[in-house]
Amino acid sequence: MTIGALAQRVGVGRETLRYYERIGLFGPVGRQKGAYRRYDEDDLARLRFIRRAVDLGFTLAETKELLALRAREGAPCRTVRDRATEKLAAIEQKLAELTELRDAVAALVRACRGDKAVEHCTILASLGEEPYHEKEIEPCPPAKRRPRPRAA
C-alpha cells in the first residue's frame, strides 16, 4: 500500500510517517519503480503499535525501546512491565499536579462573583500575588447597593 493509504488506515499524517522513518522508528522500506514507498501488513501492524504507544503517553524514544524489546524473542517481559510501571507513575504524578491546578483555579472562581470592574477582580489580584497554595484567596468584596427610588 502507499504511504497515503497506510497513513489513512492508522489515522496519522504522511509527514508523521516520514518523520518516523527519519528517526529510525519506522522503516526503512523498499521503493518500487517510480520511487514510491510500498508498505505491507507488517508495516501496518508496526505503525499501529507506535500509534497506540504514543496515545498511551510513551515518548517516541520509549516507543522505540519497546519496539526493540518486542523484537528480542524469548526476552523476559519484566523489562516491558518495568517501562509500563514507570509510565504509570509519571501519569499518576501528572494527575496529582493537574488536580492541584484544578483545585487552585476552582478556588479562584469561587472567590469571584464576577460583578466588579476588572480593577477589583479577585482573580486578577490573586494572579499577581504569592503562589496560590501559600495564601488563602480573599473573596470579592460585596457589591455596593444602589438606593432604590422611593415610590411616590
C-alpha atoms as a PDB file:
ATOM      1  CA  MET A   1       0.000   0.000   0.000  1.00  0.00           C
ATOM      2  CA  THR A   2       1.081   3.602  -0.454  1.00  0.00           C
ATOM      3  CA  ILE A   3       2.117   5.998   2.280  1.00  0.00           C
ATOM      4  CA  GLY A   4      -1.227   7.784   1.968  1.00  0.00           C
ATOM      5  CA  ALA A   5      -3.216   4.570   2.328  1.00  0.00           C
ATOM      6  CA  LEU A   6      -1.140   3.466   5.320  1.00  0.00           C
ATOM      7  CA  ALA A   7      -1.440   6.853   6.995  1.00  0.00           C
ATOM      8  CA  GLN A   8      -5.186   6.872   6.483  1.00  0.00           C
ATOM      9  CA  ARG A   9      -5.666   3.351   7.868  1.00  0.00           C
ATOM     10  CA  VAL A  10      -3.838   4.230  11.074  1.00  0.00           C
ATOM     11  CA  GLY A  11      -5.003   7.829  11.355  1.00  0.00           C
ATOM     12  CA  VAL A  12      -1.687   9.655  11.131  1.00  0.00           C
ATOM     13  CA  GLY A  13      -0.357  12.113   8.581  1.00  0.00           C
ATOM     14  CA  ARG A  14       2.049  11.268   5.778  1.00  0.00           C
ATOM     15  CA  GLU A  15       4.592  13.664   7.244  1.00  0.00           C
ATOM     16  CA  THR A  16       4.346  11.810  10.560  1.00  0.00           C
ATOM     17  CA  LEU A  17       5.276   8.576   8.780  1.00  0.00           C
ATOM     18  CA  ARG A  18       8.165  10.251   7.018  1.00  0.00           C
ATOM     19  CA  TYR A  19       9.351  11.657  10.364  1.00  0.00           C
ATOM     20  CA  TYR A  20       9.153   8.206  11.953  1.00  0.00           C
ATOM     21  CA  GLU A  21      11.306   6.911   9.094  1.00  0.00           C
ATOM     22  CA  ARG A  22      13.869   9.694   9.520  1.00  0.00           C
ATOM     23  CA  ILE A  23      14.312   8.985  13.245  1.00  0.00           C
ATOM     24  CA  GLY A  24      14.504   5.212  12.711  1.00  0.00           C
ATOM     25  CA  LEU A  25      11.227   4.370  14.418  1.00  0.00           C
ATOM     26  CA  PHE A  26       9.623   3.049  11.291  1.00  0.00           C
ATOM     27  CA  GLY A  27      11.124   1.595   8.113  1.00  0.00           C
ATOM     28  CA  PRO A  28      13.248   1.819   6.119  1.00  0.00           C
ATOM     29  CA  VAL A  29      11.131   0.419   3.365  1.00  0.00           C
ATOM     30  CA  GLY A  30      11.942  -0.533  -0.176  1.00  0.00           C
ATOM     31  CA  ARG A  31      10.897   1.572  -3.114  1.00  0.00           C
ATOM     32  CA  GLN A  32       9.256   0.340  -6.261  1.00  0.00           C
ATOM     33  CA  LYS A  33       9.548   1.764  -9.746  1.00  0.00           C
ATOM     34  CA  GLY A  34       8.806   5.445  -9.759  1.00  0.00           C
ATOM     35  CA  ALA A  35      10.387   5.800  -6.293  1.00  0.00           C
ATOM     36  CA  TYR A  36       7.135   5.112  -4.441  1.00  0.00           C
ATOM     37  CA  ARG A  37       7.417   3.618  -0.990  1.00  0.00           C
ATOM     38  CA  ARG A  38       5.344   0.450  -0.575  1.00  0.00           C
ATOM     39  CA  TYR A  39       4.021  -0.803   2.743  1.00  0.00           C
ATOM     40  CA  ASP A  40       2.609  -4.165   3.776  1.00  0.00           C
ATOM     41  CA  GLU A  41       0.573  -5.594   6.667  1.00  0.00           C
ATOM     42  CA  ASP A  42       3.675  -5.869   8.885  1.00  0.00           C
ATOM     43  CA  ASP A  43       4.257  -2.145   8.420  1.00  0.00           C
ATOM     44  CA  LEU A  44       0.615  -1.528   9.283  1.00  0.00           C
ATOM     45  CA  ALA A  45       0.935  -3.580  12.487  1.00  0.00           C
ATOM     46  CA  ARG A  46       4.140  -1.771  13.495  1.00  0.00           C
ATOM     47  CA  LEU A  47       2.588   1.624  12.874  1.00  0.00           C
ATOM     48  CA  ARG A  48      -0.496   0.673  14.893  1.00  0.00           C
ATOM     49  CA  PHE A  49       1.817  -0.348  17.743  1.00  0.00           C
ATOM     50  CA  ILE A  50       3.608   3.014  17.548  1.00  0.00           C
ATOM     51  CA  ARG A  51       0.358   4.946  17.420  1.00  0.00           C
ATOM     52  CA  ARG A  52      -1.093   3.097  20.423  1.00  0.00           C
ATOM     53  CA  ALA A  53       2.093   3.546  22.476  1.00  0.00           C
ATOM     54  CA  VAL A  54       2.133   7.279  21.733  1.00  0.00           C
ATOM     55  CA  ASP A  55      -1.594   7.524  22.540  1.00  0.00           C
ATOM     56  CA  LEU A  56      -0.835   5.944  25.931  1.00  0.00           C
ATOM     57  CA  GLY A  57       1.757   8.626  26.642  1.00  0.00           C
ATOM     58  CA  PHE A  58       5.001   6.859  25.735  1.00  0.00           C
ATOM     59  CA  THR A  59       7.530   9.157  24.113  1.00  0.00           C
ATOM     60  CA  LEU A  60       8.933   8.256  20.718  1.00  0.00           C
ATOM     61  CA  ALA A  61      12.214   7.233  22.389  1.00  0.00           C
ATOM     62  CA  GLU A  62      10.309   4.989  24.820  1.00  0.00           C
ATOM     63  CA  THR A  63       8.287   3.560  21.942  1.00  0.00           C
ATOM     64  CA  LYS A  64      11.496   2.796  20.056  1.00  0.00           C
ATOM     65  CA  GLU A  65      12.774   0.952  23.139  1.00  0.00           C
ATOM     66  CA  LEU A  66       9.513  -1.013  23.397  1.00  0.00           C
ATOM     67  CA  LEU A  67       9.816  -1.997  19.740  1.00  0.00           C
ATOM     68  CA  ALA A  68      13.388  -3.168  20.340  1.00  0.00           C
ATOM     69  CA  LEU A  69      12.262  -5.206  23.339  1.00  0.00           C
ATOM     70  CA  ARG A  70       9.428  -6.706  21.278  1.00  0.00           C
ATOM     71  CA  ALA A  71      11.940  -7.843  18.663  1.00  0.00           C
ATOM     72  CA  ARG A  72      14.003  -9.801  21.235  1.00  0.00           C
ATOM     73  CA  GLU A  73      12.304 -13.182  21.126  1.00  0.00           C
ATOM     74  CA  GLY A  74      12.460 -15.071  24.395  1.00  0.00           C
ATOM     75  CA  ALA A  75      13.421 -11.997  26.407  1.00  0.00           C
ATOM     76  CA  PRO A  76      11.619 -11.661  29.736  1.00  0.00           C
ATOM     77  CA  CYS A  77       8.568  -9.445  29.836  1.00  0.00           C
ATOM     78  CA  ARG A  78       9.799  -7.877  33.101  1.00  0.00           C
ATOM     79  CA  THR A  79      11.597  -5.033  31.306  1.00  0.00           C
ATOM     80  CA  VAL A  80       8.445  -4.125  29.386  1.00  0.00           C
ATOM     81  CA  ARG A  81       6.422  -4.239  32.596  1.00  0.00           C
ATOM     82  CA  ASP A  82       9.005  -2.015  34.297  1.00  0.00           C
ATOM     83  CA  ARG A  83       8.688   0.566  31.492  1.00  0.00           C
ATOM     84  CA  ALA A  84       4.896   0.478  31.751  1.00  0.00           C
ATOM     85  CA  THR A  85       5.122   0.838  35.548  1.00  0.00           C
ATOM     86  CA  GLU A  86       7.376   3.882  35.128  1.00  0.00           C
ATOM     87  CA  LYS A  87       4.880   5.382  32.672  1.00  0.00           C
ATOM     88  CA  LEU A  88       2.021   4.735  35.082  1.00  0.00           C
ATOM     89  CA  ALA A  89       3.901   6.505  37.885  1.00  0.00           C
ATOM     90  CA  ALA A  90       4.542   9.501  35.617  1.00  0.00           C
ATOM     91  CA  ILE A  91       0.850   9.644  34.656  1.00  0.00           C
ATOM     92  CA  GLU A  92      -0.204   9.450  38.318  1.00  0.00           C
ATOM     93  CA  GLN A  93       2.209  12.296  39.158  1.00  0.00           C
ATOM     94  CA  LYS A  94       0.773  14.383  36.323  1.00  0.00           C
ATOM     95  CA  LEU A  95      -2.769  13.671  37.545  1.00  0.00           C
ATOM     96  CA  ALA A  96      -1.823  14.851  41.037  1.00  0.00           C
ATOM     97  CA  GLU A  97      -0.378  18.059  39.566  1.00  0.00           C
ATOM     98  CA  LEU A  98      -3.496  18.595  37.434  1.00  0.00           C
ATOM     99  CA  THR A  99      -5.741  18.011  40.453  1.00  0.00           C
ATOM    100  CA  GLU A 100      -3.792  20.655  42.370  1.00  0.00           C
ATOM    101  CA  LEU A 101      -4.155  23.073  39.443  1.00  0.00           C
ATOM    102  CA  ARG A 102      -7.881  22.354  39.162  1.00  0.00           C
ATOM    103  CA  ASP A 103      -8.380  22.996  42.861  1.00  0.00           C
ATOM    104  CA  ALA A 104      -6.452  26.270  42.667  1.00  0.00           C
ATOM    105  CA  VAL A 105      -8.439  27.554  39.687  1.00  0.00           C
ATOM    106  CA  ALA A 106     -11.702  26.416  41.302  1.00  0.00           C
ATOM    107  CA  ALA A 107     -10.811  28.410  44.433  1.00  0.00           C
ATOM    108  CA  LEU A 108     -10.220  31.485  42.275  1.00  0.00           C
ATOM    109  CA  VAL A 109     -13.582  31.030  40.570  1.00  0.00           C
ATOM    110  CA  ARG A 110     -15.400  30.522  43.890  1.00  0.00           C
ATOM    111  CA  ALA A 111     -13.864  33.701  45.308  1.00  0.00           C
ATOM    112  CA  CYS A 112     -15.084  35.901  42.469  1.00  0.00           C
ATOM    113  CA  ARG A 113     -18.718  36.694  41.747  1.00  0.00           C
ATOM    114  CA  GLY A 114     -17.792  38.449  38.507  1.00  0.00           C
ATOM    115  CA  ASP A 115     -19.840  41.573  39.284  1.00  0.00           C
ATOM    116  CA  LYS A 116     -16.957  44.034  39.753  1.00  0.00           C
ATOM    117  CA  ALA A 117     -14.822  46.075  37.401  1.00  0.00           C
ATOM    118  CA  VAL A 118     -11.563  44.353  36.441  1.00  0.00           C
ATOM    119  CA  GLU A 119      -9.531  46.668  38.677  1.00  0.00           C
ATOM    120  CA  HIS A 120     -11.274  44.986  41.639  1.00  0.00           C
ATOM    121  CA  CYS A 121     -11.159  41.453  40.252  1.00  0.00           C
ATOM    122  CA  THR A 122     -10.065  38.940  42.874  1.00  0.00           C
ATOM    123  CA  ILE A 123      -8.778  36.512  40.242  1.00  0.00           C
ATOM    124  CA  LEU A 124      -6.521  39.102  38.604  1.00  0.00           C
ATOM    125  CA  ALA A 125      -5.297  40.304  42.012  1.00  0.00           C
ATOM    126  CA  SER A 126      -4.524  36.732  43.120  1.00  0.00           C
ATOM    127  CA  LEU A 127      -2.512  36.023  39.981  1.00  0.00           C
ATOM    128  CA  GLY A 128      -0.145  38.856  40.873  1.00  0.00           C
ATOM    129  CA  GLU A 129       0.452  37.664  44.431  1.00  0.00           C
ATOM    130  CA  GLU A 130       2.347  34.825  46.086  1.00  0.00           C
ATOM    131  CA  PRO A 131       1.688  31.258  44.861  1.00  0.00           C
ATOM    132  CA  TYR A 132      -1.874  30.040  45.247  1.00  0.00           C
ATOM    133  CA  HIS A 133      -1.009  27.200  47.621  1.00  0.00           C
ATOM    134  CA  GLU A 134       0.599  29.563  50.142  1.00  0.00           C
ATOM    135  CA  LYS A 135      -2.219  32.063  50.507  1.00  0.00           C
ATOM    136  CA  GLU A 136      -5.917  31.955  51.232  1.00  0.00           C
ATOM    137  CA  ILE A 137      -7.889  33.639  48.474  1.00  0.00           C
ATOM    138  CA  GLU A 138      -9.967  36.560  49.644  1.00  0.00           C
ATOM    139  CA  PRO A 139     -13.459  36.679  48.190  1.00  0.00           C
ATOM    140  CA  CYS A 140     -14.647  39.638  46.159  1.00  0.00           C
ATOM    141  CA  PRO A 141     -15.976  42.430  48.332  1.00  0.00           C
ATOM    142  CA  PRO A 142     -19.735  42.719  48.274  1.00  0.00           C
ATOM    143  CA  ALA A 143     -21.180  44.962  45.614  1.00  0.00           C
ATOM    144  CA  LYS A 144     -22.313  48.357  46.803  1.00  0.00           C
ATOM    145  CA  ARG A 145     -26.063  48.551  46.794  1.00  0.00           C
ATOM    146  CA  ARG A 146     -27.656  51.398  44.986  1.00  0.00           C
ATOM    147  CA  PRO A 147     -30.516  53.047  46.803  1.00  0.00           C
ATOM    148  CA  ARG A 148     -33.846  52.274  45.213  1.00  0.00           C
ATOM    149  CA  PRO A 149     -36.008  55.177  44.220  1.00  0.00           C
ATOM    150  CA  ARG A 150     -38.914  55.642  46.581  1.00  0.00           C
ATOM    151  CA  ALA A 151     -42.357  55.150  45.237  1.00  0.00           C
ATOM    152  CA  ALA A 152     -44.414  58.283  45.303  1.00  0.00           C
END
